[in-house]
PDB file of all heavy atoms in Angstrom:
ATOM      1  N   THR A   1     -12.318  57.951 -23.946  1.00  0.00           N
ATOM      2  CA  THR A   1     -13.135  57.691 -22.767  1.00  0.00           C
ATOM      3  C   THR A   1     -12.358  56.891 -21.728  1.00  0.00           C
ATOM      4  O   THR A   1     -11.680  55.911 -22.057  1.00  0.00           O
ATOM      5  CB  THR A   1     -14.409  56.935 -23.162  1.00  0.00           C
ATOM      6  OG1 THR A   1     -15.104  57.686 -24.153  1.00  0.00           O
ATOM      7  CG2 THR A   1     -15.315  56.736 -21.958  1.00  0.00           C
ATOM      8  N   VAL A   2     -12.477  57.307 -20.464  1.00  0.00           N
ATOM      9  CA  VAL A   2     -11.893  56.590 -19.324  1.00  0.00           C
ATOM     10  C   VAL A   2     -13.043  56.179 -18.415  1.00  0.00           C
ATOM     11  O   VAL A   2     -13.754  57.022 -17.868  1.00  0.00           O
ATOM     12  CB  VAL A   2     -10.876  57.457 -18.564  1.00  0.00           C
ATOM     13  CG1 VAL A   2     -10.383  56.732 -17.326  1.00  0.00           C
ATOM     14  CG2 VAL A   2      -9.709  57.816 -19.464  1.00  0.00           C
ATOM     15  N   ARG A   3     -13.220  54.865 -18.238  1.00  0.00           N
ATOM     16  CA  ARG A   3     -14.347  54.355 -17.463  1.00  0.00           C
ATOM     17  C   ARG A   3     -13.988  54.063 -16.008  1.00  0.00           C
ATOM     18  O   ARG A   3     -14.849  54.133 -15.146  1.00  0.00           O
ATOM     19  CB  ARG A   3     -14.907  53.090 -18.118  1.00  0.00           C
ATOM     20  CG  ARG A   3     -15.454  53.314 -19.523  1.00  0.00           C
ATOM     21  CD  ARG A   3     -16.131  52.054 -20.040  1.00  0.00           C
ATOM     22  NE  ARG A   3     -16.684  52.238 -21.367  1.00  0.00           N
ATOM     23  CZ  ARG A   3     -16.038  51.947 -22.500  1.00  0.00           C
ATOM     24  NH1 ARG A   3     -14.805  51.444 -22.440  1.00  0.00           N
ATOM     25  NH2 ARG A   3     -16.598  52.151 -23.679  1.00  0.00           N
ATOM     26  N   ASP A   4     -12.728  53.713 -15.737  1.00  0.00           N
ATOM     27  CA  ASP A   4     -12.347  53.392 -14.362  1.00  0.00           C
ATOM     28  C   ASP A   4     -10.833  53.475 -14.251  1.00  0.00           C
ATOM     29  O   ASP A   4     -10.098  53.315 -15.240  1.00  0.00           O
ATOM     30  CB  ASP A   4     -12.821  51.990 -13.970  1.00  0.00           C
ATOM     31  CG  ASP A   4     -12.791  51.777 -12.459  1.00  0.00           C
ATOM     32  OD1 ASP A   4     -12.598  52.762 -11.729  1.00  0.00           O
ATOM     33  OD2 ASP A   4     -12.955  50.627 -12.009  1.00  0.00           O
ATOM     34  N   VAL A   5     -10.356  53.751 -13.025  1.00  0.00           N
ATOM     35  CA  VAL A   5      -8.922  53.812 -12.731  1.00  0.00           C
ATOM     36  C   VAL A   5      -8.672  53.001 -11.472  1.00  0.00           C
ATOM     37  O   VAL A   5      -9.545  52.864 -10.609  1.00  0.00           O
ATOM     38  CB  VAL A   5      -8.441  55.268 -12.550  1.00  0.00           C
ATOM     39  CG1 VAL A   5      -8.466  56.015 -13.864  1.00  0.00           C
ATOM     40  CG2 VAL A   5      -9.268  55.988 -11.502  1.00  0.00           C
ATOM     41  N   ARG A   6      -7.438  52.472 -11.360  1.00  0.00           N
ATOM     42  CA  ARG A   6      -7.111  51.643 -10.205  1.00  0.00           C
ATOM     43  C   ARG A   6      -5.589  51.632 -10.015  1.00  0.00           C
ATOM     44  O   ARG A   6      -4.828  51.431 -10.967  1.00  0.00           O
ATOM     45  CB  ARG A   6      -7.607  50.209 -10.432  1.00  0.00           C
ATOM     46  CG  ARG A   6      -7.458  49.302  -9.224  1.00  0.00           C
ATOM     47  CD  ARG A   6      -8.409  49.701  -8.137  1.00  0.00           C
ATOM     48  NE  ARG A   6      -9.787  49.644  -8.581  1.00  0.00           N
ATOM     49  CZ  ARG A   6     -10.797  50.048  -7.851  1.00  0.00           C
ATOM     50  NH1 ARG A   6     -10.596  50.560  -6.659  1.00  0.00           N
ATOM     51  NH2 ARG A   6     -12.033  49.974  -8.307  1.00  0.00           N
ATOM     52  N   TRP A   7      -5.166  51.856  -8.749  1.00  0.00           N
ATOM     53  CA  TRP A   7      -3.768  51.686  -8.396  1.00  0.00           C
ATOM     54  C   TRP A   7      -3.426  50.203  -8.400  1.00  0.00           C
ATOM     55  O   TRP A   7      -4.266  49.368  -8.073  1.00  0.00           O
ATOM     56  CB  TRP A   7      -3.470  52.261  -7.013  1.00  0.00           C
ATOM     57  CG  TRP A   7      -3.434  53.757  -6.914  1.00  0.00           C
ATOM     58  CD1 TRP A   7      -4.352  54.559  -6.305  1.00  0.00           C
ATOM     59  CD2 TRP A   7      -2.421  54.637  -7.409  1.00  0.00           C
ATOM     60  NE1 TRP A   7      -3.985  55.868  -6.394  1.00  0.00           N
ATOM     61  CE2 TRP A   7      -2.796  55.954  -7.067  1.00  0.00           C
ATOM     62  CE3 TRP A   7      -1.234  54.436  -8.106  1.00  0.00           C
ATOM     63  CZ2 TRP A   7      -2.029  57.058  -7.410  1.00  0.00           C
ATOM     64  CZ3 TRP A   7      -0.473  55.546  -8.454  1.00  0.00           C
ATOM     65  CH2 TRP A   7      -0.862  56.835  -8.108  1.00  0.00           C
ATOM     66  N   LEU A   8      -2.154  49.893  -8.704  1.00  0.00           N
ATOM     67  CA  LEU A   8      -1.675  48.520  -8.626  1.00  0.00           C
ATOM     68  C   LEU A   8      -1.007  48.298  -7.271  1.00  0.00           C
ATOM     69  O   LEU A   8      -1.512  48.791  -6.265  1.00  0.00           O
ATOM     70  CB  LEU A   8      -0.739  48.222  -9.797  1.00  0.00           C
ATOM     71  CG  LEU A   8      -1.395  48.335 -11.186  1.00  0.00           C
ATOM     72  CD1 LEU A   8      -0.432  47.895 -12.265  1.00  0.00           C
ATOM     73  CD2 LEU A   8      -2.692  47.558 -11.268  1.00  0.00           C
ATOM     74  N   HIS A   9       0.112  47.578  -7.189  1.00  0.00           N
ATOM     75  CA  HIS A   9       0.676  47.188  -5.896  1.00  0.00           C
ATOM     76  C   HIS A   9       1.211  48.377  -5.114  1.00  0.00           C
ATOM     77  O   HIS A   9       1.286  48.326  -3.887  1.00  0.00           O
ATOM     78  CB  HIS A   9       1.772  46.141  -6.100  1.00  0.00           C
ATOM     79  CG  HIS A   9       2.851  46.580  -7.049  1.00  0.00           C
ATOM     80  ND1 HIS A   9       2.715  46.510  -8.409  1.00  0.00           N
ATOM     81  CD2 HIS A   9       4.085  47.097  -6.822  1.00  0.00           C
ATOM     82  CE1 HIS A   9       3.808  46.966  -8.999  1.00  0.00           C
ATOM     83  NE2 HIS A   9       4.659  47.335  -8.061  1.00  0.00           N
ATOM     84  N   ASN A  10       1.617  49.479  -5.776  1.00  0.00           N
ATOM     85  CA  ASN A  10       2.026  50.692  -5.078  1.00  0.00           C
ATOM     86  C   ASN A  10       1.752  51.879  -5.982  1.00  0.00           C
ATOM     87  O   ASN A  10       1.066  51.757  -7.001  1.00  0.00           O
ATOM     88  CB  ASN A  10       3.508  50.617  -4.652  1.00  0.00           C
ATOM     89  CG  ASN A  10       4.429  50.267  -5.805  1.00  0.00           C
ATOM     90  OD1 ASN A  10       4.155  50.592  -6.956  1.00  0.00           O
ATOM     91  ND2 ASN A  10       5.516  49.581  -5.504  1.00  0.00           N
ATOM     92  N   ASN A  11       2.302  53.043  -5.602  1.00  0.00           N
ATOM     93  CA  ASN A  11       1.996  54.269  -6.329  1.00  0.00           C
ATOM     94  C   ASN A  11       2.839  54.454  -7.585  1.00  0.00           C
ATOM     95  O   ASN A  11       2.771  55.516  -8.213  1.00  0.00           O
ATOM     96  CB  ASN A  11       2.214  55.478  -5.411  1.00  0.00           C
ATOM     97  CG  ASN A  11       3.652  55.609  -4.966  1.00  0.00           C
ATOM     98  OD1 ASN A  11       4.229  54.648  -4.475  1.00  0.00           O
ATOM     99  ND2 ASN A  11       4.244  56.781  -5.116  1.00  0.00           N
ATOM    100  N   THR A  12       3.635  53.473  -7.971  1.00  0.00           N
ATOM    101  CA  THR A  12       4.454  53.586  -9.176  1.00  0.00           C
ATOM    102  C   THR A  12       3.721  53.156 -10.445  1.00  0.00           C
ATOM    103  O   THR A  12       4.162  53.511 -11.537  1.00  0.00           O
ATOM    104  CB  THR A  12       5.734  52.748  -9.029  1.00  0.00           C
ATOM    105  OG1 THR A  12       5.381  51.391  -8.756  1.00  0.00           O
ATOM    106  CG2 THR A  12       6.582  53.270  -7.879  1.00  0.00           C
ATOM    107  N   PHE A  13       2.629  52.409 -10.322  1.00  0.00           N
ATOM    108  CA  PHE A  13       1.883  51.950 -11.490  1.00  0.00           C
ATOM    109  C   PHE A  13       0.392  52.060 -11.211  1.00  0.00           C
ATOM    110  O   PHE A  13      -0.052  51.845 -10.075  1.00  0.00           O
ATOM    111  CB  PHE A  13       2.226  50.486 -11.836  1.00  0.00           C
ATOM    112  CG  PHE A  13       3.658  50.268 -12.223  1.00  0.00           C
ATOM    113  CD1 PHE A  13       4.566  49.787 -11.293  1.00  0.00           C
ATOM    114  CD2 PHE A  13       4.094  50.532 -13.505  1.00  0.00           C
ATOM    115  CE1 PHE A  13       5.885  49.585 -11.633  1.00  0.00           C
ATOM    116  CE2 PHE A  13       5.423  50.327 -13.855  1.00  0.00           C
ATOM    117  CZ  PHE A  13       6.316  49.856 -12.923  1.00  0.00           C
ATOM    118  N   PHE A  14      -0.360  52.389 -12.256  1.00  0.00           N
ATOM    119  CA  PHE A  14      -1.814  52.405 -12.157  1.00  0.00           C
ATOM    120  C   PHE A  14      -2.402  51.994 -13.497  1.00  0.00           C
ATOM    121  O   PHE A  14      -1.751  52.132 -14.551  1.00  0.00           O
ATOM    122  CB  PHE A  14      -2.338  53.781 -11.720  1.00  0.00           C
ATOM    123  CG  PHE A  14      -2.070  54.895 -12.695  1.00  0.00           C
ATOM    124  CD1 PHE A  14      -2.975  55.211 -13.704  1.00  0.00           C
ATOM    125  CD2 PHE A  14      -0.913  55.666 -12.590  1.00  0.00           C
ATOM    126  CE1 PHE A  14      -2.734  56.244 -14.590  1.00  0.00           C
ATOM    127  CE2 PHE A  14      -0.659  56.695 -13.473  1.00  0.00           C
ATOM    128  CZ  PHE A  14      -1.573  56.985 -14.479  1.00  0.00           C
ATOM    129  N   ALA A  15      -3.618  51.473 -13.453  1.00  0.00           N
ATOM    130  CA  ALA A  15      -4.325  50.981 -14.641  1.00  0.00           C
ATOM    131  C   ALA A  15      -5.506  51.887 -14.930  1.00  0.00           C
ATOM    132  O   ALA A  15      -6.164  52.394 -14.002  1.00  0.00           O
ATOM    133  CB  ALA A  15      -4.792  49.545 -14.440  1.00  0.00           C
ATOM    134  N   ALA A  16      -5.785  52.068 -16.192  1.00  0.00           N
ATOM    135  CA  ALA A  16      -6.900  52.897 -16.651  1.00  0.00           C
ATOM    136  C   ALA A  16      -7.681  52.128 -17.701  1.00  0.00           C
ATOM    137  O   ALA A  16      -7.107  51.678 -18.702  1.00  0.00           O
ATOM    138  CB  ALA A  16      -6.396  54.227 -17.214  1.00  0.00           C
ATOM    139  N   ALA A  17      -8.976  51.958 -17.458  1.00  0.00           N
ATOM    140  CA  ALA A  17      -9.865  51.287 -18.413  1.00  0.00           C
ATOM    141  C   ALA A  17     -10.385  52.335 -19.388  1.00  0.00           C
ATOM    142  O   ALA A  17     -11.237  53.142 -19.036  1.00  0.00           O
ATOM    143  CB  ALA A  17     -11.010  50.602 -17.680  1.00  0.00           C
ATOM    144  N   GLN A  18      -9.862  52.328 -20.591  1.00  0.00           N
ATOM    145  CA  GLN A  18     -10.204  53.346 -21.577  1.00  0.00           C
ATOM    146  C   GLN A  18     -11.248  52.823 -22.566  1.00  0.00           C
ATOM    147  O   GLN A  18     -11.946  51.844 -22.264  1.00  0.00           O
ATOM    148  CB  GLN A  18      -8.921  53.827 -22.260  1.00  0.00           C
ATOM    149  CG  GLN A  18      -7.944  54.468 -21.276  1.00  0.00           C
ATOM    150  CD  GLN A  18      -6.654  54.947 -21.899  1.00  0.00           C
ATOM    151  OE1 GLN A  18      -5.695  55.234 -21.219  1.00  0.00           O
ATOM    152  NE2 GLN A  18      -6.588  55.036 -23.225  1.00  0.00           N
ATOM    153  N   LYS A  19     -11.375  53.481 -23.677  1.00  0.00           N
ATOM    154  CA  LYS A  19     -12.505  53.230 -24.573  1.00  0.00           C
ATOM    155  C   LYS A  19     -12.577  51.789 -25.046  1.00  0.00           C
ATOM    156  O   LYS A  19     -13.616  51.144 -24.961  1.00  0.00           O
ATOM    157  CB  LYS A  19     -12.414  54.164 -25.777  1.00  0.00           C
ATOM    158  CG  LYS A  19     -13.580  54.031 -26.737  1.00  0.00           C
ATOM    159  CD  LYS A  19     -13.469  55.021 -27.878  1.00  0.00           C
ATOM    160  CE  LYS A  19     -14.649  54.887 -28.827  1.00  0.00           C
ATOM    161  NZ  LYS A  19     -14.557  55.849 -29.953  1.00  0.00           N
ATOM    162  N   LYS A  20     -11.442  51.236 -25.486  1.00  0.00           N
ATOM    163  CA  LYS A  20     -11.440  49.868 -25.994  1.00  0.00           C
ATOM    164  C   LYS A  20     -10.562  48.957 -25.151  1.00  0.00           C
ATOM    165  O   LYS A  20     -10.995  47.890 -24.718  1.00  0.00           O
ATOM    166  CB  LYS A  20     -10.971  49.843 -27.446  1.00  0.00           C
ATOM    167  CG  LYS A  20     -11.067  48.454 -28.086  1.00  0.00           C
ATOM    168  CD  LYS A  20     -10.688  48.492 -29.554  1.00  0.00           C
ATOM    169  CE  LYS A  20     -10.831  47.107 -30.186  1.00  0.00           C
ATOM    170  NZ  LYS A  20     -10.453  47.097 -31.613  1.00  0.00           N
ATOM    171  N   TYR A  21      -9.311  49.366 -24.904  1.00  0.00           N
ATOM    172  CA  TYR A  21      -8.371  48.526 -24.179  1.00  0.00           C
ATOM    173  C   TYR A  21      -8.110  49.100 -22.786  1.00  0.00           C
ATOM    174  O   TYR A  21      -8.518  50.213 -22.463  1.00  0.00           O
ATOM    175  CB  TYR A  21      -7.046  48.404 -24.944  1.00  0.00           C
ATOM    176  CG  TYR A  21      -7.173  47.783 -26.316  1.00  0.00           C
ATOM    177  CD1 TYR A  21      -6.920  48.537 -27.466  1.00  0.00           C
ATOM    178  CD2 TYR A  21      -7.540  46.455 -26.476  1.00  0.00           C
ATOM    179  CE1 TYR A  21      -7.031  47.976 -28.724  1.00  0.00           C
ATOM    180  CE2 TYR A  21      -7.646  45.894 -27.736  1.00  0.00           C
ATOM    181  CZ  TYR A  21      -7.397  46.657 -28.856  1.00  0.00           C
ATOM    182  OH  TYR A  21      -7.518  46.099 -30.107  1.00  0.00           O
ATOM    183  N   THR A  22      -7.407  48.307 -22.007  1.00  0.00           N
ATOM    184  CA  THR A  22      -6.961  48.720 -20.682  1.00  0.00           C
ATOM    185  C   THR A  22      -5.461  48.969 -20.729  1.00  0.00           C
ATOM    186  O   THR A  22      -4.707  48.124 -21.222  1.00  0.00           O
ATOM    187  CB  THR A  22      -7.287  47.637 -19.636  1.00  0.00           C
ATOM    188  OG1 THR A  22      -8.708  47.418 -19.620  1.00  0.00           O
ATOM    189  CG2 THR A  22      -6.848  48.073 -18.260  1.00  0.00           C
ATOM    190  N   TYR A  23      -5.046  50.106 -20.200  1.00  0.00           N
ATOM    191  CA  TYR A  23      -3.655  50.518 -20.263  1.00  0.00           C
ATOM    192  C   TYR A  23      -3.084  50.610 -18.846  1.00  0.00           C
ATOM    193  O   TYR A  23      -3.795  50.910 -17.892  1.00  0.00           O
ATOM    194  CB  TYR A  23      -3.509  51.870 -20.958  1.00  0.00           C
ATOM    195  CG  TYR A  23      -3.917  51.857 -22.416  1.00  0.00           C
ATOM    196  CD1 TYR A  23      -5.252  52.020 -22.781  1.00  0.00           C
ATOM    197  CD2 TYR A  23      -2.984  51.680 -23.428  1.00  0.00           C
ATOM    198  CE1 TYR A  23      -5.640  52.018 -24.117  1.00  0.00           C
ATOM    199  CE2 TYR A  23      -3.365  51.674 -24.763  1.00  0.00           C
ATOM    200  CZ  TYR A  23      -4.688  51.834 -25.093  1.00  0.00           C
ATOM    201  OH  TYR A  23      -5.057  51.821 -26.416  1.00  0.00           O
ATOM    202  N   ILE A  24      -1.757  50.384 -18.762  1.00  0.00           N
ATOM    203  CA  ILE A  24      -1.023  50.509 -17.504  1.00  0.00           C
ATOM    204  C   ILE A  24       0.009  51.614 -17.680  1.00  0.00           C
ATOM    205  O   ILE A  24       0.796  51.588 -18.642  1.00  0.00           O
ATOM    206  CB  ILE A  24      -0.350  49.187 -17.108  1.00  0.00           C
ATOM    207  CG1 ILE A  24      -1.416  48.120 -16.807  1.00  0.00           C
ATOM    208  CG2 ILE A  24       0.542  49.376 -15.886  1.00  0.00           C
ATOM    209  CD1 ILE A  24      -0.844  46.780 -16.412  1.00  0.00           C
ATOM    210  N   TYR A  25       0.004  52.585 -16.757  1.00  0.00           N
ATOM    211  CA  TYR A  25       0.912  53.721 -16.784  1.00  0.00           C
ATOM    212  C   TYR A  25       1.793  53.686 -15.536  1.00  0.00           C
ATOM    213  O   TYR A  25       1.422  53.109 -14.507  1.00  0.00           O
ATOM    214  CB  TYR A  25       0.133  55.036 -16.830  1.00  0.00           C
ATOM    215  CG  TYR A  25      -0.768  55.192 -18.031  1.00  0.00           C
ATOM    216  CD1 TYR A  25      -2.090  54.744 -18.007  1.00  0.00           C
ATOM    217  CD2 TYR A  25      -0.316  55.798 -19.196  1.00  0.00           C
ATOM    218  CE1 TYR A  25      -2.926  54.885 -19.096  1.00  0.00           C
ATOM    219  CE2 TYR A  25      -1.145  55.957 -20.300  1.00  0.00           C
ATOM    220  CZ  TYR A  25      -2.443  55.492 -20.246  1.00  0.00           C
ATOM    221  OH  TYR A  25      -3.269  55.640 -21.332  1.00  0.00           O
TER     222      TYR A  25
END
């Protein structure tokens, strides 16, 4: 499950709020 997504300081990194933890890609 992915509940929310958000860009960080630029387009090279983004965060995804998944089922249990939050991941940075």
